[in-house]
Structures are given as structure tokens and as C-alpha cells.
Amino acid sequence: MFQPTEGQKIGIGLVGFGLFFLFLGVILLFDKGLLAIGNCLFLSGIAFIVGINRTWRFFFQREKLRASLFFFGGIFIVLLGWPIVGMLVELYGFFLLFKGFFPFVIEFLRRIPGVGLILSIPFISRFCDNLSGDTRRSIV
């Protein structure tokens, strides 16, 4: 079984707090302070989990450069004071950056008892299949 190091445990906590602050910032009508804190915590958590060097290489690969520009550009737009536009740009960049992970995440979520039941609802199932790029699944 995988045992995270102390730094990775800190990173998991930072990512969790970052997602919480991002969620809270969106719920509170796109509060730019909460969104900025959430972005900083999320990015620092990722760096703690996988390491600074690997994080740098992930974001600045040649094929992911456009996605990284959208992601970091969205963060910059949020800091400039346009949180809704910035979050939309950032969300697009996030989708482009992490679209390779979506099939694994969706398959993991399908194996969780309560979440798997929700993901088996026909409309949601088709959406998840399209998101993960799985065209082999068919509705029975």
C-alpha cells in the first residue's frame, strides 16, 4: 500500500484547503480574495505532492504550454479583479491540462459504492463517458 511522505501529506492538505477556498469563493459570488487564496494553496499543494521540479515540468511541457497559459492567465485575471472571466479561463486551462487524468478519476469514482450508483444514471453516465473519452461503453 502507498504510504505518503510527510511532505505529501502536507500537500494533500493544501490541495484540500485550496479546493475548499475555491469552492467558497465561487459560492460567495466569485470573491476574488478567496479565489486567489484557493489558487495559491492548490498550486503549492500540487508542488508538495509531486515535487517542485516535476510540477514545473508538468505545467511547462511543449504540448501543454497553451493549457498552462490559459490556467495561469485565468489566475492572473482573477487577481486583476475580474473573477468570473478569470475562473472561466482558468477552468478551460484546467480541463486542457488534466484531461488525460479524467478517465482514471472517473473509473475510480465509479468503483465507490454511493458515487458509482449516481454515475450509472443514464444522462450522467453518457456525460462521464464523453468526458473520459470512453466510446466503448453502451447503455443497456
N, C-alpha and C. Protein backbone atom coordinates (compact mmCIF):
# COMPACT_ATOMS: atom_id res chain seq x y z
N MET A 1 0.84 -1.18 0.00
CA MET A 1 0.00 0.00 0.00
C MET A 1 0.89 1.24 0.00
N PHE A 2 0.42 2.27 -0.67
CA PHE A 2 1.16 3.52 -0.79
C PHE A 2 1.13 4.31 0.51
N GLN A 3 2.30 4.66 1.02
CA GLN A 3 2.42 5.46 2.23
C GLN A 3 2.98 6.83 1.85
N PRO A 4 2.17 7.88 1.95
CA PRO A 4 2.68 9.20 1.58
C PRO A 4 3.70 9.71 2.60
N THR A 5 4.64 10.47 2.11
CA THR A 5 5.63 11.09 2.99
C THR A 5 4.97 12.26 3.72
N GLU A 6 5.71 12.83 4.65
CA GLU A 6 5.16 13.97 5.40
C GLU A 6 4.88 15.16 4.49
N GLY A 7 5.76 15.39 3.53
CA GLY A 7 5.55 16.48 2.58
C GLY A 7 4.33 16.26 1.71
N GLN A 8 4.11 15.00 1.31
CA GLN A 8 2.93 14.69 0.51
C GLN A 8 1.65 14.83 1.33
N LYS A 9 1.71 14.50 2.62
CA LYS A 9 0.54 14.70 3.48
C LYS A 9 0.21 16.19 3.59
N ILE A 10 1.24 17.01 3.73
CA ILE A 10 1.03 18.46 3.76
C ILE A 10 0.43 18.92 2.44
N GLY A 11 0.94 18.38 1.33
CA GLY A 11 0.42 18.74 0.01
C GLY A 11 -1.03 18.36 -0.17
N ILE A 12 -1.42 17.20 0.33
CA ILE A 12 -2.82 16.78 0.23
C ILE A 12 -3.69 17.74 1.02
N GLY A 13 -3.22 18.15 2.19
CA GLY A 13 -3.97 19.13 2.99
C GLY A 13 -4.08 20.47 2.28
N LEU A 14 -2.98 20.92 1.67
CA LEU A 14 -3.01 22.19 0.96
C LEU A 14 -3.94 22.15 -0.24
N VAL A 15 -3.92 21.04 -0.99
CA VAL A 15 -4.83 20.90 -2.13
C VAL A 15 -6.28 20.90 -1.64
N GLY A 16 -6.55 20.20 -0.55
CA GLY A 16 -7.90 20.17 0.01
C GLY A 16 -8.36 21.56 0.44
N PHE A 17 -7.50 22.29 1.16
CA PHE A 17 -7.86 23.66 1.55
C PHE A 17 -8.01 24.56 0.34
N GLY A 18 -7.15 24.36 -0.67
CA GLY A 18 -7.26 25.16 -1.88
C GLY A 18 -8.59 24.95 -2.59
N LEU A 19 -9.00 23.68 -2.71
CA LEU A 19 -10.29 23.39 -3.33
C LEU A 19 -11.44 23.94 -2.49
N PHE A 20 -11.29 23.88 -1.16
CA PHE A 20 -12.32 24.44 -0.28
C PHE A 20 -12.45 25.95 -0.47
N PHE A 21 -11.32 26.65 -0.53
CA PHE A 21 -11.37 28.11 -0.72
C PHE A 21 -11.88 28.47 -2.11
N LEU A 22 -11.53 27.67 -3.12
CA LEU A 22 -12.08 27.92 -4.45
C LEU A 22 -13.59 27.73 -4.46
N PHE A 23 -14.06 26.66 -3.82
CA PHE A 23 -15.49 26.40 -3.74
C PHE A 23 -16.18 27.53 -2.98
N LEU A 24 -15.60 27.94 -1.86
CA LEU A 24 -16.18 29.02 -1.06
C LEU A 24 -16.18 30.34 -1.85
N GLY A 25 -15.13 30.60 -2.61
CA GLY A 25 -15.07 31.81 -3.42
C GLY A 25 -16.12 31.84 -4.50
N VAL A 26 -16.42 30.68 -5.09
CA VAL A 26 -17.47 30.60 -6.11
C VAL A 26 -18.84 30.75 -5.47
N ILE A 27 -19.05 30.09 -4.33
CA ILE A 27 -20.34 30.17 -3.64
C ILE A 27 -20.63 31.60 -3.18
N LEU A 28 -19.60 32.30 -2.73
CA LEU A 28 -19.78 33.68 -2.25
C LEU A 28 -19.62 34.68 -3.40
N LEU A 29 -20.25 34.35 -4.52
CA LEU A 29 -20.34 35.24 -5.68
C LEU A 29 -18.99 35.68 -6.21
N PHE A 30 -18.11 34.72 -6.39
CA PHE A 30 -16.81 34.93 -7.00
C PHE A 30 -15.99 36.00 -6.27
N ASP A 31 -15.80 35.77 -4.99
CA ASP A 31 -14.95 36.64 -4.18
C ASP A 31 -13.50 36.46 -4.61
N LYS A 32 -12.88 37.53 -5.10
CA LYS A 32 -11.55 37.38 -5.68
C LYS A 32 -10.48 37.05 -4.65
N GLY A 33 -10.66 37.46 -3.40
CA GLY A 33 -9.69 37.12 -2.36
C GLY A 33 -9.67 35.64 -2.06
N LEU A 34 -10.85 35.07 -1.90
CA LEU A 34 -10.93 33.63 -1.64
C LEU A 34 -10.44 32.81 -2.83
N LEU A 35 -10.77 33.27 -4.04
CA LEU A 35 -10.30 32.56 -5.24
C LEU A 35 -8.78 32.62 -5.35
N ALA A 36 -8.20 33.76 -5.03
CA ALA A 36 -6.74 33.89 -5.10
C ALA A 36 -6.07 32.99 -4.06
N ILE A 37 -6.60 32.97 -2.83
CA ILE A 37 -6.04 32.10 -1.79
C ILE A 37 -6.18 30.64 -2.21
N GLY A 38 -7.34 30.27 -2.75
CA GLY A 38 -7.56 28.90 -3.20
C GLY A 38 -6.59 28.48 -4.28
N ASN A 39 -6.35 29.38 -5.24
CA ASN A 39 -5.40 29.07 -6.32
C ASN A 39 -3.99 28.88 -5.77
N CYS A 40 -3.57 29.76 -4.88
CA CYS A 40 -2.23 29.65 -4.29
C CYS A 40 -2.07 28.35 -3.50
N LEU A 41 -3.06 28.03 -2.70
CA LEU A 41 -2.99 26.80 -1.91
C LEU A 41 -3.00 25.56 -2.80
N PHE A 42 -3.83 25.57 -3.85
CA PHE A 42 -3.90 24.43 -4.76
C PHE A 42 -2.56 24.20 -5.45
N LEU A 43 -1.97 25.26 -5.99
CA LEU A 43 -0.69 25.12 -6.70
C LEU A 43 0.43 24.71 -5.76
N SER A 44 0.46 25.28 -4.56
CA SER A 44 1.52 24.89 -3.62
C SER A 44 1.32 23.45 -3.15
N GLY A 45 0.07 23.01 -3.02
CA GLY A 45 -0.19 21.63 -2.65
C GLY A 45 0.27 20.65 -3.71
N ILE A 46 0.02 20.98 -4.97
CA ILE A 46 0.49 20.14 -6.07
C ILE A 46 2.02 20.05 -6.04
N ALA A 47 2.68 21.17 -5.77
CA ALA A 47 4.15 21.16 -5.71
C ALA A 47 4.64 20.30 -4.55
N PHE A 48 3.94 20.32 -3.42
CA PHE A 48 4.33 19.47 -2.28
C PHE A 48 4.11 18.00 -2.60
N ILE A 49 3.04 17.67 -3.31
CA ILE A 49 2.73 16.26 -3.57
C ILE A 49 3.72 15.64 -4.54
N VAL A 50 3.96 16.29 -5.66
CA VAL A 50 4.80 15.66 -6.69
C VAL A 50 6.20 16.25 -6.76
N GLY A 51 6.46 17.34 -6.07
CA GLY A 51 7.77 17.97 -6.09
C GLY A 51 7.79 19.17 -7.03
N ILE A 52 8.65 20.11 -6.72
CA ILE A 52 8.69 21.35 -7.48
C ILE A 52 9.17 21.10 -8.92
N ASN A 53 10.18 20.28 -9.08
CA ASN A 53 10.73 20.03 -10.40
C ASN A 53 9.71 19.34 -11.31
N ARG A 54 9.05 18.32 -10.80
CA ARG A 54 8.05 17.61 -11.62
C ARG A 54 6.83 18.49 -11.88
N THR A 55 6.48 19.34 -10.94
CA THR A 55 5.37 20.27 -11.17
C THR A 55 5.73 21.24 -12.28
N TRP A 56 6.94 21.77 -12.24
CA TRP A 56 7.41 22.69 -13.28
C TRP A 56 7.39 22.00 -14.65
N ARG A 57 7.91 20.77 -14.71
CA ARG A 57 7.93 20.04 -15.98
C ARG A 57 6.53 19.73 -16.47
N PHE A 58 5.58 19.46 -15.55
CA PHE A 58 4.21 19.16 -15.96
C PHE A 58 3.56 20.38 -16.60
N PHE A 59 3.67 21.53 -15.97
CA PHE A 59 3.00 22.71 -16.48
C PHE A 59 3.65 23.29 -17.72
N PHE A 60 4.94 23.08 -17.89
CA PHE A 60 5.63 23.74 -19.00
C PHE A 60 6.17 22.76 -20.04
N GLN A 61 5.47 21.65 -20.26
CA GLN A 61 5.76 20.78 -21.39
C GLN A 61 5.32 21.49 -22.66
N ARG A 62 5.97 21.20 -23.76
CA ARG A 62 5.66 21.87 -25.02
C ARG A 62 4.20 21.65 -25.42
N GLU A 63 3.69 20.43 -25.27
CA GLU A 63 2.31 20.15 -25.69
C GLU A 63 1.26 20.69 -24.71
N LYS A 64 1.68 21.06 -23.51
CA LYS A 64 0.74 21.60 -22.52
C LYS A 64 0.94 23.10 -22.29
N LEU A 65 1.71 23.74 -23.13
CA LEU A 65 2.02 25.15 -22.91
C LEU A 65 0.78 26.02 -23.07
N ARG A 66 -0.04 25.73 -24.08
CA ARG A 66 -1.27 26.52 -24.28
C ARG A 66 -2.21 26.37 -23.09
N ALA A 67 -2.35 25.14 -22.60
CA ALA A 67 -3.22 24.90 -21.45
C ALA A 67 -2.70 25.61 -20.21
N SER A 68 -1.39 25.60 -20.02
CA SER A 68 -0.80 26.28 -18.88
C SER A 68 -0.99 27.79 -18.97
N LEU A 69 -0.89 28.33 -20.18
CA LEU A 69 -1.12 29.76 -20.36
C LEU A 69 -2.55 30.13 -20.00
N PHE A 70 -3.52 29.31 -20.41
CA PHE A 70 -4.90 29.57 -20.03
C PHE A 70 -5.08 29.47 -18.52
N PHE A 71 -4.49 28.45 -17.91
CA PHE A 71 -4.65 28.24 -16.48
C PHE A 71 -4.05 29.40 -15.68
N PHE A 72 -2.79 29.73 -15.95
CA PHE A 72 -2.14 30.81 -15.22
C PHE A 72 -2.69 32.18 -15.62
N GLY A 73 -3.12 32.31 -16.88
CA GLY A 73 -3.77 33.54 -17.30
C GLY A 73 -5.08 33.76 -16.56
N GLY A 74 -5.82 32.69 -16.32
CA GLY A 74 -7.05 32.80 -15.54
C GLY A 74 -6.77 33.23 -14.11
N ILE A 75 -5.72 32.70 -13.53
CA ILE A 75 -5.35 33.12 -12.17
C ILE A 75 -4.99 34.60 -12.17
N PHE A 76 -4.25 35.04 -13.18
CA PHE A 76 -3.86 36.44 -13.28
C PHE A 76 -5.09 37.34 -13.46
N ILE A 77 -6.05 36.91 -14.28
CA ILE A 77 -7.27 37.69 -14.49
C ILE A 77 -8.06 37.79 -13.19
N VAL A 78 -8.10 36.71 -12.40
CA VAL A 78 -8.77 36.77 -11.10
C VAL A 78 -8.09 37.80 -10.21
N LEU A 79 -6.77 37.81 -10.21
CA LEU A 79 -6.03 38.77 -9.38
C LEU A 79 -6.21 40.21 -9.85
N LEU A 80 -6.48 40.39 -11.15
CA LEU A 80 -6.74 41.73 -11.66
C LEU A 80 -8.10 42.27 -11.26
N GLY A 81 -9.00 41.38 -10.83
CA GLY A 81 -10.30 41.83 -10.36
C GLY A 81 -11.48 41.41 -11.20
N TRP A 82 -11.29 40.52 -12.16
CA TRP A 82 -12.39 40.00 -12.97
C TRP A 82 -12.54 38.52 -12.67
N PRO A 83 -13.13 38.18 -11.52
CA PRO A 83 -13.12 36.79 -11.06
C PRO A 83 -13.94 35.83 -11.94
N ILE A 84 -15.06 36.27 -12.48
CA ILE A 84 -15.88 35.34 -13.28
C ILE A 84 -15.16 34.98 -14.57
N VAL A 85 -14.66 35.98 -15.27
CA VAL A 85 -13.93 35.72 -16.52
C VAL A 85 -12.67 34.90 -16.22
N GLY A 86 -11.96 35.27 -15.16
CA GLY A 86 -10.75 34.55 -14.80
C GLY A 86 -11.00 33.09 -14.46
N MET A 87 -12.09 32.83 -13.74
CA MET A 87 -12.38 31.44 -13.39
C MET A 87 -12.79 30.63 -14.62
N LEU A 88 -13.48 31.25 -15.57
CA LEU A 88 -13.83 30.53 -16.80
C LEU A 88 -12.58 30.21 -17.62
N VAL A 89 -11.67 31.16 -17.74
CA VAL A 89 -10.42 30.92 -18.46
C VAL A 89 -9.58 29.87 -17.73
N GLU A 90 -9.55 29.98 -16.41
CA GLU A 90 -8.79 29.01 -15.61
C GLU A 90 -9.39 27.62 -15.70
N LEU A 91 -10.70 27.53 -15.70
CA LEU A 91 -11.38 26.23 -15.81
C LEU A 91 -11.08 25.57 -17.16
N TYR A 92 -11.07 26.37 -18.21
CA TYR A 92 -10.72 25.84 -19.53
C TYR A 92 -9.28 25.32 -19.54
N GLY A 93 -8.37 26.09 -18.97
CA GLY A 93 -6.98 25.64 -18.89
C GLY A 93 -6.84 24.39 -18.03
N PHE A 94 -7.58 24.33 -16.92
CA PHE A 94 -7.55 23.16 -16.05
C PHE A 94 -8.03 21.92 -16.81
N PHE A 95 -9.11 22.08 -17.59
CA PHE A 95 -9.61 20.96 -18.37
C PHE A 95 -8.58 20.50 -19.39
N LEU A 96 -7.93 21.43 -20.07
CA LEU A 96 -6.91 21.05 -21.05
C LEU A 96 -5.70 20.39 -20.39
N LEU A 97 -5.32 20.88 -19.21
CA LEU A 97 -4.16 20.33 -18.53
C LEU A 97 -4.40 18.91 -18.03
N PHE A 98 -5.55 18.69 -17.43
CA PHE A 98 -5.79 17.44 -16.72
C PHE A 98 -6.73 16.49 -17.44
N LYS A 99 -6.98 16.71 -18.73
CA LYS A 99 -7.91 15.83 -19.45
C LYS A 99 -7.37 14.41 -19.57
N GLY A 100 -6.08 14.23 -19.49
CA GLY A 100 -5.51 12.89 -19.52
C GLY A 100 -5.79 12.09 -18.26
N PHE A 101 -6.09 12.79 -17.14
CA PHE A 101 -6.38 12.11 -15.89
C PHE A 101 -7.85 11.74 -15.72
N PHE A 102 -8.72 12.36 -16.51
CA PHE A 102 -10.16 12.17 -16.32
C PHE A 102 -10.61 10.71 -16.43
N PRO A 103 -10.10 9.91 -17.39
CA PRO A 103 -10.54 8.51 -17.43
C PRO A 103 -10.22 7.74 -16.14
N PHE A 104 -9.07 7.99 -15.55
CA PHE A 104 -8.69 7.31 -14.32
C PHE A 104 -9.55 7.76 -13.15
N VAL A 105 -9.80 9.06 -13.08
CA VAL A 105 -10.61 9.60 -11.98
C VAL A 105 -12.05 9.09 -12.08
N ILE A 106 -12.61 9.09 -13.27
CA ILE A 106 -13.99 8.63 -13.44
C ILE A 106 -14.09 7.15 -13.13
N GLU A 107 -13.13 6.37 -13.57
CA GLU A 107 -13.16 4.93 -13.27
C GLU A 107 -13.02 4.68 -11.78
N PHE A 108 -12.19 5.46 -11.10
CA PHE A 108 -12.05 5.35 -9.65
C PHE A 108 -13.37 5.71 -8.96
N LEU A 109 -14.00 6.80 -9.40
CA LEU A 109 -15.26 7.23 -8.80
C LEU A 109 -16.38 6.22 -9.04
N ARG A 110 -16.34 5.53 -10.17
CA ARG A 110 -17.38 4.52 -10.46
C ARG A 110 -17.28 3.33 -9.51
N ARG A 111 -16.14 3.11 -8.91
CA ARG A 111 -15.96 1.98 -8.00
C ARG A 111 -16.33 2.30 -6.57
N ILE A 112 -16.57 3.57 -6.27
CA ILE A 112 -17.03 3.96 -4.93
C ILE A 112 -18.52 3.69 -4.85
N PRO A 113 -18.99 2.95 -3.82
CA PRO A 113 -20.38 2.49 -3.80
C PRO A 113 -21.44 3.56 -4.04
N GLY A 114 -21.48 4.64 -3.31
CA GLY A 114 -22.53 5.64 -3.48
C GLY A 114 -22.36 6.46 -4.74
N VAL A 115 -21.13 6.83 -5.02
CA VAL A 115 -20.84 7.66 -6.19
C VAL A 115 -21.04 6.86 -7.47
N GLY A 116 -20.67 5.59 -7.45
CA GLY A 116 -20.85 4.74 -8.62
C GLY A 116 -22.30 4.60 -9.02
N LEU A 117 -23.18 4.57 -8.03
CA LEU A 117 -24.62 4.48 -8.32
C LEU A 117 -25.09 5.75 -9.02
N ILE A 118 -24.62 6.89 -8.56
CA ILE A 118 -25.00 8.17 -9.19
C ILE A 118 -24.44 8.25 -10.60
N LEU A 119 -23.21 7.79 -10.79
CA LEU A 119 -22.59 7.86 -12.10
C LEU A 119 -23.18 6.85 -13.09
N SER A 120 -24.00 5.93 -12.61
CA SER A 120 -24.63 4.96 -13.51
C SER A 120 -25.96 5.45 -14.04
N ILE A 121 -26.44 6.61 -13.60
CA ILE A 121 -27.66 7.21 -14.15
C ILE A 121 -27.38 7.54 -15.61
N PRO A 122 -28.32 7.17 -16.53
CA PRO A 122 -28.02 7.26 -17.97
C PRO A 122 -27.44 8.61 -18.44
N PHE A 123 -28.05 9.73 -18.07
CA PHE A 123 -27.55 11.03 -18.54
C PHE A 123 -26.15 11.30 -18.00
N ILE A 124 -25.94 11.03 -16.72
CA ILE A 124 -24.64 11.27 -16.11
C ILE A 124 -23.60 10.30 -16.66
N SER A 125 -24.03 9.06 -16.89
CA SER A 125 -23.12 8.06 -17.44
C SER A 125 -22.62 8.45 -18.83
N ARG A 126 -23.54 8.94 -19.67
CA ARG A 126 -23.12 9.38 -21.02
C ARG A 126 -22.16 10.56 -20.93
N PHE A 127 -22.46 11.50 -20.02
CA PHE A 127 -21.58 12.66 -19.84
C PHE A 127 -20.19 12.22 -19.40
N CYS A 128 -20.13 11.31 -18.43
CA CYS A 128 -18.83 10.82 -17.94
C CYS A 128 -18.09 10.05 -19.02
N ASP A 129 -18.83 9.28 -19.82
CA ASP A 129 -18.19 8.54 -20.91
C ASP A 129 -17.59 9.50 -21.93
N ASN A 130 -18.32 10.56 -22.26
CA ASN A 130 -17.79 11.55 -23.20
C ASN A 130 -16.61 12.30 -22.61
N LEU A 131 -16.68 12.61 -21.33
CA LEU A 131 -15.60 13.33 -20.66
C LEU A 131 -14.33 12.50 -20.60
N SER A 132 -14.49 11.21 -20.35
CA SER A 132 -13.32 10.35 -20.26
C SER A 132 -12.87 9.82 -21.61
N GLY A 133 -13.67 10.05 -22.66
CA GLY A 133 -13.29 9.59 -23.99
C GLY A 133 -13.55 8.12 -24.20
N ASP A 134 -14.40 7.52 -23.38
CA ASP A 134 -14.71 6.09 -23.48
C ASP A 134 -15.92 5.91 -24.37
N THR A 135 -15.68 5.53 -25.63
CA THR A 135 -16.79 5.33 -26.56
C THR A 135 -17.24 3.88 -26.62
N ARG A 136 -16.56 3.00 -25.88
CA ARG A 136 -16.91 1.58 -25.92
C ARG A 136 -18.11 1.27 -25.04
N ARG A 137 -18.37 2.11 -24.05
CA ARG A 137 -19.49 1.85 -23.15
C ARG A 137 -20.79 2.08 -23.89
N SER A 138 -21.77 1.26 -23.61
CA SER A 138 -23.08 1.45 -24.20
C SER A 138 -24.13 1.33 -23.11
N ILE A 139 -25.23 2.00 -23.30
CA ILE A 139 -26.32 1.97 -22.32
C ILE A 139 -27.11 0.71 -22.54
N VAL A 140 -27.30 -0.04 -21.46
CA VAL A 140 -28.04 -1.30 -21.55
C VAL A 140 -29.38 -1.13 -20.89
